Each structure stands twice: as C-alpha cells, then as structure tokens.
Amino acid sequence: MDEPAFLLFASDATLLGIGGIALIVISFAAGLAERRQRKRREADALGCMPWTTLSVLAFMAGAALLALAAGGIPGR
C-alpha cells in the first residue's frame, strides 16, 4: 500500500500536527467512554479500563505535539 502524496512530502510540523490531532480525538473518545462507564445502570458491572487516565495522557501528549508543530510552521 502506497503512502498518499500529501503524507510522503509533508514537513515534520505537519506530521506532528496530524499526530497531535489524532491524540486529541482519542482523548475525547476516552472521555466519552468514561462518562458512559460512570452512568451505567448496574453498579456491580465494573470495567477494568482506566478511561480517565487514558484521556488525560492522550490529551497532554496531543497538546505537546500540537505545540511542537506550531513552532515549526513557517511564516511566524
């Protein structure tokens, strides 16, 4: 499978930005899963996934990647 041309010739800042946005989306999905787990009907049906921790770590990593990407964008 070949890479698309926009990824093949993308700068490092663009790749960091794409990774950062992907991690922010994962963070919001984990936040929704945490909310769903909190609002479950059966209190004894516990899950084993630490959604809050996953959400916070993904958000922090995504924010760091976006900050690095913003420093590499030309025209500043």
PDB file of N, CA and C in Angstrom:
ATOM      1  N   MET A   1       0.850  -1.174   0.000  1.00  0.00           N
ATOM      2  CA  MET A   1       0.000   0.000   0.000  1.00  0.00           C
ATOM      3  C   MET A   1       0.898   1.239   0.000  1.00  0.00           C
ATOM      4  N   ASP A   2       0.661   2.126  -0.917  1.00  0.00           N
ATOM      5  CA  ASP A   2       1.477   3.328  -1.049  1.00  0.00           C
ATOM      6  C   ASP A   2       0.957   4.440  -0.156  1.00  0.00           C
ATOM      7  N   GLU A   3       1.894   5.270   0.279  1.00  0.00           N
ATOM      8  CA  GLU A   3       1.510   6.443   1.063  1.00  0.00           C
ATOM      9  C   GLU A   3       0.899   7.493   0.151  1.00  0.00           C
ATOM     10  N   PRO A   4      -0.086   8.233   0.647  1.00  0.00           N
ATOM     11  CA  PRO A   4      -0.594   9.350  -0.153  1.00  0.00           C
ATOM     12  C   PRO A   4       0.490  10.407  -0.326  1.00  0.00           C
ATOM     13  N   ALA A   5       0.423  11.153  -1.412  1.00  0.00           N
ATOM     14  CA  ALA A   5       1.460  12.132  -1.736  1.00  0.00           C
ATOM     15  C   ALA A   5       1.557  13.229  -0.684  1.00  0.00           C
ATOM     16  N   PHE A   6       0.414  13.620  -0.084  1.00  0.00           N
ATOM     17  CA  PHE A   6       0.480  14.693   0.911  1.00  0.00           C
ATOM     18  C   PHE A   6       1.179  14.248   2.187  1.00  0.00           C
ATOM     19  N   LEU A   7       1.200  12.951   2.481  1.00  0.00           N
ATOM     20  CA  LEU A   7       1.962  12.467   3.636  1.00  0.00           C
ATOM     21  C   LEU A   7       3.417  12.207   3.273  1.00  0.00           C
ATOM     22  N   LEU A   8       3.654  11.805   2.048  1.00  0.00           N
ATOM     23  CA  LEU A   8       5.008  11.483   1.621  1.00  0.00           C
ATOM     24  C   LEU A   8       5.902  12.720   1.616  1.00  0.00           C
ATOM     25  N   PHE A   9       5.345  13.851   1.208  1.00  0.00           N
ATOM     26  CA  PHE A   9       6.128  15.077   1.114  1.00  0.00           C
ATOM     27  C   PHE A   9       5.783  16.084   2.215  1.00  0.00           C
ATOM     28  N   ALA A  10       5.140  15.639   3.276  1.00  0.00           N
ATOM     29  CA  ALA A  10       4.755  16.542   4.360  1.00  0.00           C
ATOM     30  C   ALA A  10       5.968  16.898   5.215  1.00  0.00           C
ATOM     31  N   SER A  11       5.918  18.092   5.788  1.00  0.00           N
ATOM     32  CA  SER A  11       7.004  18.513   6.681  1.00  0.00           C
ATOM     33  C   SER A  11       6.832  17.842   8.042  1.00  0.00           C
ATOM     34  N   ASP A  12       7.860  17.974   8.856  1.00  0.00           N
ATOM     35  CA  ASP A  12       7.785  17.407  10.204  1.00  0.00           C
ATOM     36  C   ASP A  12       6.683  18.065  11.025  1.00  0.00           C
ATOM     37  N   ALA A  13       6.494  19.362  10.835  1.00  0.00           N
ATOM     38  CA  ALA A  13       5.453  20.075  11.572  1.00  0.00           C
ATOM     39  C   ALA A  13       4.071  19.546  11.203  1.00  0.00           C
ATOM     40  N   THR A  14       3.864  19.250   9.938  1.00  0.00           N
ATOM     41  CA  THR A  14       2.571  18.709   9.505  1.00  0.00           C
ATOM     42  C   THR A  14       2.323  17.334  10.109  1.00  0.00           C
ATOM     43  N   LEU A  15       3.341  16.500  10.106  1.00  0.00           N
ATOM     44  CA  LEU A  15       3.189  15.162  10.693  1.00  0.00           C
ATOM     45  C   LEU A  15       2.939  15.234  12.196  1.00  0.00           C
ATOM     46  N   LEU A  16       3.620  16.143  12.886  1.00  0.00           N
ATOM     47  CA  LEU A  16       3.384  16.319  14.320  1.00  0.00           C
ATOM     48  C   LEU A  16       1.958  16.822  14.571  1.00  0.00           C
ATOM     49  N   GLY A  17       1.494  17.718  13.724  1.00  0.00           N
ATOM     50  CA  GLY A  17       0.139  18.234  13.863  1.00  0.00           C
ATOM     51  C   GLY A  17      -0.909  17.156  13.654  1.00  0.00           C
ATOM     52  N   ILE A  18      -0.704  16.297  12.670  1.00  0.00           N
ATOM     53  CA  ILE A  18      -1.644  15.203  12.415  1.00  0.00           C
ATOM     54  C   ILE A  18      -1.665  14.244  13.602  1.00  0.00           C
ATOM     55  N   GLY A  19      -0.494  13.930  14.136  1.00  0.00           N
ATOM     56  CA  GLY A  19      -0.428  13.056  15.312  1.00  0.00           C
ATOM     57  C   GLY A  19      -1.082  13.687  16.530  1.00  0.00           C
ATOM     58  N   GLY A  20      -0.871  14.995  16.705  1.00  0.00           N
ATOM     59  CA  GLY A  20      -1.483  15.692  17.832  1.00  0.00           C
ATOM     60  C   GLY A  20      -2.999  15.710  17.743  1.00  0.00           C
ATOM     61  N   ILE A  21      -3.525  15.969  16.548  1.00  0.00           N
ATOM     62  CA  ILE A  21      -4.982  15.970  16.374  1.00  0.00           C
ATOM     63  C   ILE A  21      -5.546  14.577  16.605  1.00  0.00           C
ATOM     64  N   ALA A  22      -4.839  13.542  16.141  1.00  0.00           N
ATOM     65  CA  ALA A  22      -5.301  12.172  16.362  1.00  0.00           C
ATOM     66  C   ALA A  22      -5.357  11.849  17.862  1.00  0.00           C
ATOM     67  N   LEU A  23      -4.359  12.299  18.619  1.00  0.00           N
ATOM     68  CA  LEU A  23      -4.364  12.040  20.060  1.00  0.00           C
ATOM     69  C   LEU A  23      -5.457  12.824  20.782  1.00  0.00           C
ATOM     70  N   ILE A  24      -5.769  14.027  20.328  1.00  0.00           N
ATOM     71  CA  ILE A  24      -6.856  14.802  20.922  1.00  0.00           C
ATOM     72  C   ILE A  24      -8.192  14.107  20.670  1.00  0.00           C
ATOM     73  N   VAL A  25      -8.373  13.557  19.472  1.00  0.00           N
ATOM     74  CA  VAL A  25      -9.608  12.814  19.159  1.00  0.00           C
ATOM     75  C   VAL A  25      -9.713  11.569  20.033  1.00  0.00           C
ATOM     76  N   ILE A  26      -8.609  10.869  20.228  1.00  0.00           N
ATOM     77  CA  ILE A  26      -8.611   9.688  21.117  1.00  0.00           C
ATOM     78  C   ILE A  26      -8.942  10.107  22.540  1.00  0.00           C
ATOM     79  N   SER A  27      -8.449  11.263  22.957  1.00  0.00           N
ATOM     80  CA  SER A  27      -8.727  11.760  24.297  1.00  0.00           C
ATOM     81  C   SER A  27     -10.226  12.012  24.496  1.00  0.00           C
ATOM     82  N   PHE A  28     -10.850  12.648  23.503  1.00  0.00           N
ATOM     83  CA  PHE A  28     -12.290  12.892  23.621  1.00  0.00           C
ATOM     84  C   PHE A  28     -13.090  11.600  23.587  1.00  0.00           C
ATOM     85  N   ALA A  29     -12.662  10.624  22.802  1.00  0.00           N
ATOM     86  CA  ALA A  29     -13.339   9.327  22.777  1.00  0.00           C
ATOM     87  C   ALA A  29     -13.210   8.623  24.129  1.00  0.00           C
ATOM     88  N   ALA A  30     -12.048   8.723  24.758  1.00  0.00           N
ATOM     89  CA  ALA A  30     -11.868   8.126  26.087  1.00  0.00           C
ATOM     90  C   ALA A  30     -12.710   8.856  27.126  1.00  0.00           C
ATOM     91  N   GLY A  31     -12.860  10.172  26.973  1.00  0.00           N
ATOM     92  CA  GLY A  31     -13.733  10.922  27.880  1.00  0.00           C
ATOM     93  C   GLY A  31     -15.188  10.495  27.758  1.00  0.00           C
ATOM     94  N   LEU A  32     -15.629  10.238  26.528  1.00  0.00           N
ATOM     95  CA  LEU A  32     -16.996   9.734  26.337  1.00  0.00           C
ATOM     96  C   LEU A  32     -17.170   8.339  26.930  1.00  0.00           C
ATOM     97  N   ALA A  33     -16.139   7.510  26.792  1.00  0.00           N
ATOM     98  CA  ALA A  33     -16.206   6.166  27.385  1.00  0.00           C
ATOM     99  C   ALA A  33     -16.243   6.246  28.911  1.00  0.00           C
ATOM    100  N   GLU A  34     -15.512   7.191  29.496  1.00  0.00           N
ATOM    101  CA  GLU A  34     -15.544   7.380  30.952  1.00  0.00           C
ATOM    102  C   GLU A  34     -16.931   7.806  31.405  1.00  0.00           C
ATOM    103  N   ARG A  35     -17.530   8.714  30.660  1.00  0.00           N
ATOM    104  CA  ARG A  35     -18.879   9.170  31.013  1.00  0.00           C
ATOM    105  C   ARG A  35     -19.881   8.020  30.915  1.00  0.00           C
ATOM    106  N   ARG A  36     -19.731   7.214  29.872  1.00  0.00           N
ATOM    107  CA  ARG A  36     -20.624   6.059  29.706  1.00  0.00           C
ATOM    108  C   ARG A  36     -20.441   5.057  30.845  1.00  0.00           C
ATOM    109  N   GLN A  37     -19.207   4.876  31.287  1.00  0.00           N
ATOM    110  CA  GLN A  37     -18.934   3.944  32.376  1.00  0.00           C
ATOM    111  C   GLN A  37     -19.510   4.469  33.698  1.00  0.00           C
ATOM    112  N   ARG A  38     -19.447   5.783  33.912  1.00  0.00           N
ATOM    113  CA  ARG A  38     -19.989   6.360  35.144  1.00  0.00           C
ATOM    114  C   ARG A  38     -21.508   6.263  35.212  1.00  0.00           C
ATOM    115  N   LYS A  39     -22.167   6.335  34.062  1.00  0.00           N
ATOM    116  CA  LYS A  39     -23.629   6.357  34.031  1.00  0.00           C
ATOM    117  C   LYS A  39     -24.232   4.977  33.782  1.00  0.00           C
ATOM    118  N   ARG A  40     -23.509   3.909  34.050  1.00  0.00           N
ATOM    119  CA  ARG A  40     -24.029   2.558  33.819  1.00  0.00           C
ATOM    120  C   ARG A  40     -25.166   2.253  34.792  1.00  0.00           C
ATOM    121  N   ARG A  41     -26.043   1.389  34.383  1.00  0.00           N
ATOM    122  CA  ARG A  41     -27.214   1.057  35.215  1.00  0.00           C
ATOM    123  C   ARG A  41     -26.854   0.133  36.377  1.00  0.00           C
ATOM    124  N   GLU A  42     -26.010  -0.846  36.105  1.00  0.00           N
ATOM    125  CA  GLU A  42     -25.632  -1.800  37.150  1.00  0.00           C
ATOM    126  C   GLU A  42     -24.335  -1.342  37.808  1.00  0.00           C
ATOM    127  N   ALA A  43     -24.397  -1.071  39.090  1.00  0.00           N
ATOM    128  CA  ALA A  43     -23.214  -0.586  39.807  1.00  0.00           C
ATOM    129  C   ALA A  43     -22.150  -1.671  39.948  1.00  0.00           C
ATOM    130  N   ASP A  44     -22.552  -2.929  39.878  1.00  0.00           N
ATOM    131  CA  ASP A  44     -21.593  -4.025  40.033  1.00  0.00           C
ATOM    132  C   ASP A  44     -20.869  -4.380  38.742  1.00  0.00           C
ATOM    133  N   ALA A  45     -21.309  -3.852  37.619  1.00  0.00           N
ATOM    134  CA  ALA A  45     -20.686  -4.153  36.325  1.00  0.00           C
ATOM    135  C   ALA A  45     -19.509  -3.202  36.096  1.00  0.00           C
ATOM    136  N   LEU A  46     -18.424  -3.484  36.785  1.00  0.00           N
ATOM    137  CA  LEU A  46     -17.254  -2.613  36.706  1.00  0.00           C
ATOM    138  C   LEU A  46     -16.400  -2.949  35.495  1.00  0.00           C
ATOM    139  N   GLY A  47     -15.786  -1.942  34.943  1.00  0.00           N
ATOM    140  CA  GLY A  47     -14.843  -2.137  33.853  1.00  0.00           C
ATOM    141  C   GLY A  47     -13.426  -2.074  34.387  1.00  0.00           C
ATOM    142  N   CYS A  48     -12.481  -2.513  33.583  1.00  0.00           N
ATOM    143  CA  CYS A  48     -11.087  -2.519  34.051  1.00  0.00           C
ATOM    144  C   CYS A  48     -10.229  -1.504  33.311  1.00  0.00           C
ATOM    145  N   MET A  49     -10.820  -0.720  32.409  1.00  0.00           N
ATOM    146  CA  MET A  49     -10.047   0.252  31.641  1.00  0.00           C
ATOM    147  C   MET A  49     -10.022   1.602  32.359  1.00  0.00           C
ATOM    148  N   PRO A  50      -8.841   2.141  32.609  1.00  0.00           N
ATOM    149  CA  PRO A  50      -8.748   3.449  33.281  1.00  0.00           C
ATOM    150  C   PRO A  50      -8.970   4.590  32.285  1.00  0.00           C
ATOM    151  N   TRP A  51     -10.219   4.880  31.945  1.00  0.00           N
ATOM    152  CA  TRP A  51     -10.535   5.847  30.902  1.00  0.00           C
ATOM    153  C   TRP A  51     -10.070   7.258  31.253  1.00  0.00           C
ATOM    154  N   THR A  52     -10.152   7.621  32.504  1.00  0.00           N
ATOM    155  CA  THR A  52      -9.735   8.970  32.892  1.00  0.00           C
ATOM    156  C   THR A  52      -8.238   9.161  32.662  1.00  0.00           C
ATOM    157  N   THR A  53      -7.452   8.212  33.082  1.00  0.00           N
ATOM    158  CA  THR A  53      -6.007   8.281  32.898  1.00  0.00           C
ATOM    159  C   THR A  53      -5.652   8.294  31.414  1.00  0.00           C
ATOM    160  N   LEU A  54      -6.308   7.442  30.651  1.00  0.00           N
ATOM    161  CA  LEU A  54      -6.061   7.388  29.223  1.00  0.00           C
ATOM    162  C   LEU A  54      -6.417   8.714  28.555  1.00  0.00           C
ATOM    163  N   SER A  55      -7.523   9.309  28.968  1.00  0.00           N
ATOM    164  CA  SER A  55      -7.955  10.577  28.401  1.00  0.00           C
ATOM    165  C   SER A  55      -6.958  11.692  28.717  1.00  0.00           C
ATOM    166  N   VAL A  56      -6.516  11.766  29.949  1.00  0.00           N
ATOM    167  CA  VAL A  56      -5.584  12.829  30.349  1.00  0.00           C
ATOM    168  C   VAL A  56      -4.231  12.663  29.656  1.00  0.00           C
ATOM    169  N   LEU A  57      -3.721  11.448  29.612  1.00  0.00           N
ATOM    170  CA  LEU A  57      -2.416  11.227  28.981  1.00  0.00           C
ATOM    171  C   LEU A  57      -2.461  11.496  27.476  1.00  0.00           C
ATOM    172  N   ALA A  58      -3.530  11.068  26.822  1.00  0.00           N
ATOM    173  CA  ALA A  58      -3.662  11.319  25.388  1.00  0.00           C
ATOM    174  C   ALA A  58      -3.800  12.812  25.111  1.00  0.00           C
ATOM    175  N   PHE A  59      -4.538  13.528  25.965  1.00  0.00           N
ATOM    176  CA  PHE A  59      -4.706  14.963  25.768  1.00  0.00           C
ATOM    177  C   PHE A  59      -3.386  15.704  25.957  1.00  0.00           C
ATOM    178  N   MET A  60      -2.629  15.338  26.982  1.00  0.00           N
ATOM    179  CA  MET A  60      -1.355  16.008  27.235  1.00  0.00           C
ATOM    180  C   MET A  60      -0.356  15.737  26.103  1.00  0.00           C
ATOM    181  N   ALA A  61      -0.292  14.501  25.646  1.00  0.00           N
ATOM    182  CA  ALA A  61       0.623  14.178  24.546  1.00  0.00           C
ATOM    183  C   ALA A  61       0.191  14.885  23.265  1.00  0.00           C
ATOM    184  N   GLY A  62      -1.114  14.932  23.018  1.00  0.00           N
ATOM    185  CA  GLY A  62      -1.611  15.626  21.832  1.00  0.00           C
ATOM    186  C   GLY A  62      -1.335  17.114  21.884  1.00  0.00           C
ATOM    187  N   ALA A  63      -1.511  17.716  23.046  1.00  0.00           N
ATOM    188  CA  ALA A  63      -1.228  19.144  23.194  1.00  0.00           C
ATOM    189  C   ALA A  63       0.263  19.422  23.009  1.00  0.00           C
ATOM    190  N   ALA A  64       1.107  18.535  23.506  1.00  0.00           N
ATOM    191  CA  ALA A  64       2.547  18.713  23.334  1.00  0.00           C
ATOM    192  C   ALA A  64       2.940  18.605  21.858  1.00  0.00           C
ATOM    193  N   LEU A  65       2.358  17.644  21.147  1.00  0.00           N
ATOM    194  CA  LEU A  65       2.665  17.509  19.726  1.00  0.00           C
ATOM    195  C   LEU A  65       2.168  18.717  18.932  1.00  0.00           C
ATOM    196  N   LEU A  66       0.992  19.229  19.280  1.00  0.00           N
ATOM    197  CA  LEU A  66       0.488  20.418  18.587  1.00  0.00           C
ATOM    198  C   LEU A  66       1.350  21.641  18.885  1.00  0.00           C
ATOM    199  N   ALA A  67       1.856  21.747  20.106  1.00  0.00           N
ATOM    200  CA  ALA A  67       2.744  22.861  20.433  1.00  0.00           C
ATOM    201  C   ALA A  67       4.058  22.755  19.653  1.00  0.00           C
ATOM    202  N   LEU A  68       4.589  21.566  19.517  1.00  0.00           N
ATOM    203  CA  LEU A  68       5.801  21.375  18.722  1.00  0.00           C
ATOM    204  C   LEU A  68       5.543  21.680  17.241  1.00  0.00           C
ATOM    205  N   ALA A  69       4.361  21.282  16.770  1.00  0.00           N
ATOM    206  CA  ALA A  69       4.022  21.529  15.368  1.00  0.00           C
ATOM    207  C   ALA A  69       3.854  23.024  15.116  1.00  0.00           C
ATOM    208  N   ALA A  70       3.293  23.745  16.061  1.00  0.00           N
ATOM    209  CA  ALA A  70       3.090  25.183  15.881  1.00  0.00           C
ATOM    210  C   ALA A  70       4.424  25.921  15.806  1.00  0.00           C
ATOM    211  N   GLY A  71       5.433  25.417  16.462  1.00  0.00           N
ATOM    212  CA  GLY A  71       6.750  26.047  16.401  1.00  0.00           C
ATOM    213  C   GLY A  71       7.444  25.834  15.074  1.00  0.00           C
ATOM    214  N   GLY A  72       7.044  24.822  14.326  1.00  0.00           N
ATOM    215  CA  GLY A  72       7.696  24.515  13.062  1.00  0.00           C
ATOM    216  C   GLY A  72       6.966  25.033  11.844  1.00  0.00           C
ATOM    217  N   ILE A  73       5.856  25.736  12.030  1.00  0.00           N
ATOM    218  CA  ILE A  73       5.102  26.250  10.893  1.00  0.00           C
ATOM    219  C   ILE A  73       5.769  27.533  10.396  1.00  0.00           C
ATOM    220  N   PRO A  74       6.074  27.601   9.120  1.00  0.00           N
ATOM    221  CA  PRO A  74       6.748  28.804   8.602  1.00  0.00           C
ATOM    222  C   PRO A  74       5.806  30.002   8.552  1.00  0.00           C
ATOM    223  N   GLY A  75       6.389  31.176   8.537  1.00  0.00           N
ATOM    224  CA  GLY A  75       5.602  32.390   8.441  1.00  0.00           C
ATOM    225  C   GLY A  75       5.379  33.086   9.757  1.00  0.00           C
ATOM    226  N   ARG A  76       6.077  32.681  10.788  1.00  0.00           N
ATOM    227  CA  ARG A  76       5.901  33.301  12.099  1.00  0.00           C
ATOM    228  C   ARG A  76       6.894  34.397  12.291  1.00  0.00           C
TER     229      ARG A  76
END
